[in-house]
Amino acid sequence: MQCLEDMDVVSPLPSEVCQSSANSCQIPYIPQVKNDVIPKINQEFDTLDVVQNFYNNYAKESGFGTRAHSSRRNGDKQVIRKDYVCCKEGKLVPKKPVENSESSKLRRGLIQEGCGAKLSVRRAKSGDKYVVSQFVEAHNHPLTSPRRVHLLRSHRKVSVAKKSFGTTTIASKCAKLPTNEYFREKNSGFMFTMEKDDEERLTYCFWADATSRQSYQYFGDVVAFDTMYTINRYSMIFAPILGVNHHRQTMLFGCGLLSDESSDSFE
């Protein structure tokens, strides 16, 4: 967070303070960021994409996520008004899951807390630009710390490496032929291990090619292990094992597919 003397903080009007929900605090939370990243009334933008990127950048600096909300179009189907809100906007009533259904196995936290923070833009009367018509900066919930803000949906960015080794890509390749055959098609330096349950369902799989194994020999002093939480149709968790070389480049040491996140699976 930036020092207060280095910032110009704008307090919201009383009518702009977000209403508190049962899960939030009565005290409004005002992002403490530099003045140049804060949206201003009548500020102009060339396109809606630029508006969204600007607000999302402000949100990342502030510690909250964003999403596009409502819009209004004219007779020519041009967007004349667009609203962007905090990811905790609205109130969601959880539905009772059907017993033994797939959805009942996925327990997702409810993030909607009725937050009223928003940015609204309208199409300029002359020209194709968009101008800020409303900006509410107060939140009714604590803001995310800088170390965790990248985990919010609007700030997640999948790297080329993760795309290359994504769960869906790997699993779809494995689905085309038996997994054992797929891995045995690799070169001699390729190694893998896997385990199945009593119903012949894959419970975990680990593999590393020759390049990854060699990289580990040189740069395996520090190893980073993380799991990707993207739900996929195979319900498997993708776990890349990474390191850094002497050029500070990310190195892939190995990959794993896990059916759960128990200590036994991690071992």
Protein backbone atom coordinates (compact mmCIF):
# COMPACT_ATOMS: atom_id res chain seq x y z
CA MET A 1 0.00 0.00 0.00
CA GLN A 2 1.21 3.53 -0.74
CA CYS A 3 1.96 6.10 2.00
CA LEU A 4 -0.94 8.47 2.63
CA GLU A 5 1.14 11.60 2.07
CA ASP A 6 1.95 10.42 -1.46
CA MET A 7 -1.69 10.08 -2.45
CA ASP A 8 -4.72 12.16 -3.20
CA VAL A 9 -7.62 10.28 -1.65
CA VAL A 10 -11.14 11.25 -2.62
CA SER A 11 -13.85 10.48 -0.08
CA PRO A 12 -17.26 9.38 -1.37
CA LEU A 13 -20.42 11.36 -0.86
CA PRO A 14 -22.70 10.03 1.89
CA SER A 15 -25.12 8.74 -0.74
CA GLU A 16 -22.31 6.84 -2.41
CA VAL A 17 -21.26 4.83 0.65
CA CYS A 18 -22.04 1.19 -0.02
CA GLN A 19 -24.79 -0.39 1.98
CA SER A 20 -23.49 -3.12 4.25
CA SER A 21 -24.64 -6.72 4.03
CA ALA A 22 -24.74 -9.29 6.80
CA ASN A 23 -21.25 -10.43 5.84
CA SER A 24 -19.62 -7.00 5.62
CA CYS A 25 -18.59 -4.13 7.85
CA GLN A 26 -20.50 -0.91 8.44
CA ILE A 27 -17.37 1.18 7.81
CA PRO A 28 -16.76 1.93 4.11
CA TYR A 29 -13.40 0.86 2.69
CA ILE A 30 -11.76 3.51 0.50
CA PRO A 31 -8.89 2.31 -1.74
CA GLN A 32 -5.62 4.09 -0.99
CA VAL A 33 -4.03 4.51 -4.42
CA LYS A 34 -2.26 7.19 -6.41
CA ASN A 35 -4.45 9.90 -7.85
CA ASP A 36 -3.49 9.22 -11.48
CA VAL A 37 -5.09 5.75 -11.47
CA ILE A 38 -8.38 6.92 -9.94
CA PRO A 39 -11.22 7.50 -12.45
CA LYS A 40 -12.46 11.09 -12.65
CA ILE A 41 -15.89 12.44 -13.55
CA ASN A 42 -15.95 13.56 -17.25
CA GLN A 43 -12.72 11.67 -17.95
CA GLU A 44 -12.72 10.59 -21.61
CA PHE A 45 -11.86 7.22 -23.15
CA ASP A 46 -11.67 6.20 -26.79
CA THR A 47 -13.36 2.79 -26.44
CA LEU A 48 -15.17 0.64 -23.89
CA ASP A 49 -12.21 -1.76 -23.87
CA VAL A 50 -10.00 1.09 -22.72
CA VAL A 51 -12.54 1.96 -20.02
CA GLN A 52 -12.62 -1.60 -18.73
CA ASN A 53 -8.82 -1.92 -18.75
CA PHE A 54 -8.44 1.38 -16.89
CA TYR A 55 -10.99 0.44 -14.22
CA ASN A 56 -9.55 -3.04 -13.87
CA ASN A 57 -6.06 -1.60 -13.41
CA TYR A 58 -7.42 0.74 -10.74
CA ALA A 59 -9.13 -2.24 -9.10
CA LYS A 60 -5.92 -4.25 -9.08
CA GLU A 61 -4.05 -1.40 -7.43
CA SER A 62 -6.90 -1.03 -4.94
CA GLY A 63 -7.41 -4.68 -4.06
CA PHE A 64 -10.72 -5.75 -5.60
CA GLY A 65 -12.00 -7.48 -8.70
CA THR A 66 -14.31 -6.09 -11.37
CA ARG A 67 -16.84 -7.25 -13.92
CA ALA A 68 -18.95 -5.66 -16.61
CA HIS A 69 -22.51 -5.04 -15.48
CA SER A 70 -25.47 -3.41 -17.25
CA SER A 71 -25.46 -1.49 -20.51
CA ARG A 72 -27.89 0.56 -22.58
CA ARG A 73 -28.08 0.81 -26.36
CA ASN A 74 -29.71 3.27 -28.72
CA GLY A 75 -31.81 2.55 -31.80
CA ASP A 76 -28.67 1.86 -33.83
CA LYS A 77 -27.60 -0.75 -31.24
CA GLN A 78 -24.68 1.39 -30.13
CA VAL A 79 -23.79 1.21 -26.47
CA ILE A 80 -24.59 4.61 -24.99
CA ARG A 81 -24.08 3.65 -21.33
CA LYS A 82 -22.00 0.99 -19.63
CA ASP A 83 -21.55 0.08 -15.96
CA TYR A 84 -18.60 -1.73 -14.40
CA VAL A 85 -18.91 -2.94 -10.82
CA CYS A 86 -17.00 -4.58 -7.99
CA CYS A 87 -17.01 -8.38 -8.13
CA LYS A 88 -18.88 -8.36 -4.80
CA GLU A 89 -21.82 -6.41 -6.24
CA GLY A 90 -25.27 -7.93 -5.83
CA LYS A 91 -26.62 -10.54 -3.47
CA LEU A 92 -26.73 -14.21 -4.36
CA VAL A 93 -29.09 -16.64 -2.67
CA PRO A 94 -27.52 -20.12 -2.76
CA LYS A 95 -29.63 -22.85 -4.31
CA LYS A 96 -30.03 -26.12 -2.48
CA PRO A 97 -27.98 -28.67 -4.44
CA VAL A 98 -29.62 -31.86 -5.66
CA GLU A 99 -28.46 -34.80 -3.58
CA ASN A 100 -25.72 -36.86 -5.23
CA SER A 101 -25.48 -34.42 -8.15
CA GLU A 102 -22.17 -33.27 -9.57
CA SER A 103 -22.88 -29.67 -8.52
CA SER A 104 -23.28 -30.74 -4.91
CA LYS A 105 -19.64 -31.85 -4.89
CA LEU A 106 -18.39 -28.41 -5.86
CA ARG A 107 -18.58 -26.07 -2.89
CA ARG A 108 -17.97 -22.54 -4.01
CA GLY A 109 -17.98 -19.56 -1.67
CA LEU A 110 -20.54 -16.85 -2.26
CA ILE A 111 -18.71 -13.60 -2.95
CA GLN A 112 -21.67 -11.24 -3.53
CA GLU A 113 -22.00 -8.86 -0.58
CA GLY A 114 -24.09 -6.06 -2.03
CA CYS A 115 -21.12 -3.78 -2.70
CA GLY A 116 -22.06 -0.57 -4.50
CA ALA A 117 -18.65 0.42 -5.88
CA LYS A 118 -18.98 1.10 -9.60
CA LEU A 119 -17.87 3.05 -12.64
CA SER A 120 -20.39 4.26 -15.22
CA VAL A 121 -19.60 5.79 -18.59
CA ARG A 122 -21.85 7.29 -21.26
CA ARG A 123 -21.29 7.94 -24.91
CA ALA A 124 -20.31 11.54 -25.62
CA LYS A 125 -22.96 13.60 -27.43
CA SER A 126 -20.43 14.54 -30.05
CA GLY A 127 -17.90 12.00 -31.26
CA ASP A 128 -17.31 8.35 -30.43
CA LYS A 129 -15.66 8.76 -27.05
CA TYR A 130 -16.99 7.66 -23.68
CA VAL A 131 -16.95 9.86 -20.58
CA VAL A 132 -17.19 8.93 -16.90
CA SER A 133 -20.63 9.87 -15.59
CA GLN A 134 -20.56 8.18 -12.18
CA PHE A 135 -17.83 6.82 -9.93
CA VAL A 136 -18.45 5.24 -6.53
CA GLU A 137 -15.19 4.25 -4.87
CA ALA A 138 -16.33 3.09 -1.39
CA HIS A 139 -16.64 -0.64 -0.70
CA ASN A 140 -18.57 -2.38 2.07
CA HIS A 141 -15.98 -5.14 2.50
CA PRO A 142 -12.24 -5.41 3.24
CA LEU A 143 -9.98 -5.08 0.21
CA THR A 144 -7.62 -7.83 -0.91
CA SER A 145 -3.93 -7.55 -0.04
CA PRO A 146 -1.42 -6.88 -2.86
CA ARG A 147 0.03 -10.38 -2.45
CA ARG A 148 -3.33 -12.02 -3.16
CA VAL A 149 -5.02 -9.63 -5.59
CA HIS A 150 -3.75 -11.58 -8.61
CA LEU A 151 -5.99 -14.48 -7.52
CA LEU A 152 -9.16 -12.48 -8.24
CA ARG A 153 -10.88 -13.54 -11.43
CA SER A 154 -10.53 -10.24 -13.31
CA HIS A 155 -6.79 -10.14 -12.61
CA ARG A 156 -5.88 -13.72 -13.42
CA LYS A 157 -3.59 -14.11 -16.38
CA VAL A 158 -2.65 -17.53 -17.68
CA SER A 159 0.94 -17.59 -18.93
CA VAL A 160 2.02 -19.25 -22.17
CA ALA A 161 3.61 -22.03 -20.13
CA LYS A 162 0.38 -22.75 -18.26
CA LYS A 163 -1.60 -22.71 -21.50
CA SER A 164 0.86 -25.16 -23.04
CA PHE A 165 0.56 -27.53 -20.09
CA GLY A 166 -3.09 -26.84 -19.27
CA THR A 167 -5.24 -29.58 -17.83
CA THR A 168 -7.74 -29.59 -20.66
CA THR A 169 -5.04 -29.87 -23.34
CA ILE A 170 -3.28 -32.76 -21.63
CA ALA A 171 -6.43 -34.57 -20.62
CA SER A 172 -7.95 -34.27 -24.10
CA LYS A 173 -4.82 -35.82 -25.61
CA CYS A 174 -4.92 -38.63 -23.09
CA ALA A 175 -8.58 -39.24 -23.88
CA LYS A 176 -7.78 -40.12 -27.48
CA LEU A 177 -5.97 -43.33 -26.46
CA PRO A 178 -5.27 -45.21 -23.23
CA THR A 179 -3.10 -43.10 -20.93
CA ASN A 180 -0.36 -45.72 -20.71
CA GLU A 181 -0.04 -45.81 -24.50
CA TYR A 182 0.05 -42.01 -24.72
CA PHE A 183 2.97 -41.77 -22.31
CA ARG A 184 4.83 -44.72 -23.79
CA GLU A 185 4.87 -42.91 -27.14
CA LYS A 186 7.35 -40.44 -25.60
CA ASN A 187 11.14 -40.71 -25.95
CA SER A 188 13.38 -42.84 -23.76
CA GLY A 189 14.14 -39.96 -21.39
CA PHE A 190 10.47 -39.59 -20.55
CA MET A 191 9.32 -41.06 -17.24
CA PHE A 192 5.88 -41.31 -15.66
CA THR A 193 3.99 -42.96 -12.86
CA MET A 194 0.25 -43.29 -12.25
CA GLU A 195 -2.26 -45.00 -10.03
CA LYS A 196 -5.86 -46.11 -10.51
CA ASP A 197 -8.59 -46.93 -8.04
CA ASP A 198 -10.61 -50.15 -7.78
CA GLU A 199 -12.89 -48.97 -10.58
CA GLU A 200 -9.94 -48.36 -12.94
CA ARG A 201 -10.30 -44.58 -12.63
CA LEU A 202 -7.15 -42.49 -12.67
CA THR A 203 -6.41 -41.10 -9.20
CA TYR A 204 -3.08 -39.44 -9.93
CA CYS A 205 -0.44 -39.22 -12.62
CA PHE A 206 3.04 -37.70 -12.62
CA TRP A 207 5.38 -37.26 -15.59
CA ALA A 208 8.58 -35.50 -16.64
CA ASP A 209 10.41 -35.48 -19.97
CA ALA A 210 14.17 -35.59 -20.54
CA THR A 211 14.52 -31.80 -20.71
CA SER A 212 12.61 -31.29 -17.48
CA ARG A 213 14.69 -33.91 -15.69
CA GLN A 214 17.92 -32.35 -16.89
CA SER A 215 16.71 -28.87 -15.86
CA TYR A 216 15.99 -30.20 -12.38
CA GLN A 217 19.55 -31.51 -12.07
CA TYR A 218 20.94 -28.02 -12.72
CA PHE A 219 18.32 -25.76 -11.16
CA GLY A 220 16.42 -27.94 -8.69
CA ASP A 221 17.68 -26.21 -5.54
CA VAL A 222 14.40 -24.32 -5.23
CA VAL A 223 11.15 -25.88 -6.40
CA ALA A 224 7.74 -24.19 -6.69
CA PHE A 225 4.67 -26.40 -6.52
CA ASP A 226 1.18 -25.08 -7.07
CA THR A 227 -2.21 -26.31 -8.21
CA MET A 228 -4.52 -24.81 -10.81
CA TYR A 229 -8.10 -24.64 -9.57
CA THR A 230 -9.82 -24.40 -12.94
CA ILE A 231 -12.65 -26.90 -12.99
CA ASN A 232 -12.49 -29.09 -16.10
CA ARG A 233 -14.65 -31.88 -17.40
CA TYR A 234 -12.24 -34.51 -16.06
CA SER A 235 -12.39 -33.08 -12.50
CA MET A 236 -8.62 -33.44 -12.18
CA ILE A 237 -6.32 -30.89 -10.56
CA PHE A 238 -3.30 -29.85 -12.63
CA ALA A 239 -0.10 -29.38 -10.61
CA PRO A 240 3.00 -28.04 -12.43
CA ILE A 241 6.37 -28.32 -10.66
CA LEU A 242 8.48 -25.28 -11.55
CA GLY A 243 11.85 -23.68 -10.93
CA VAL A 244 13.98 -20.79 -12.16
CA ASN A 245 17.23 -20.95 -14.13
CA HIS A 246 20.23 -18.62 -14.03
CA HIS A 247 18.50 -16.26 -16.48
CA ARG A 248 15.47 -16.02 -14.16
CA GLN A 249 13.40 -17.94 -16.67
CA THR A 250 10.73 -20.35 -15.49
CA MET A 251 11.70 -23.99 -15.91
CA LEU A 252 9.28 -26.91 -15.92
CA PHE A 253 10.53 -29.82 -13.81
CA GLY A 254 7.47 -32.03 -14.03
CA CYS A 255 3.67 -32.19 -14.08
CA GLY A 256 0.98 -33.96 -12.17
CA LEU A 257 -2.74 -34.64 -12.37
CA LEU A 258 -4.41 -35.19 -9.01
CA SER A 259 -7.91 -36.31 -8.06
CA ASP A 260 -7.75 -34.49 -4.72
CA GLU A 261 -5.48 -32.32 -2.57
CA SER A 262 -4.75 -34.71 0.24
CA SER A 263 -1.25 -35.03 1.70
CA ASP A 264 -0.98 -38.53 0.21
CA SER A 265 -1.65 -37.17 -3.29
CA PHE A 266 0.91 -34.41 -2.84
CA GLU A 267 3.54 -36.89 -1.67
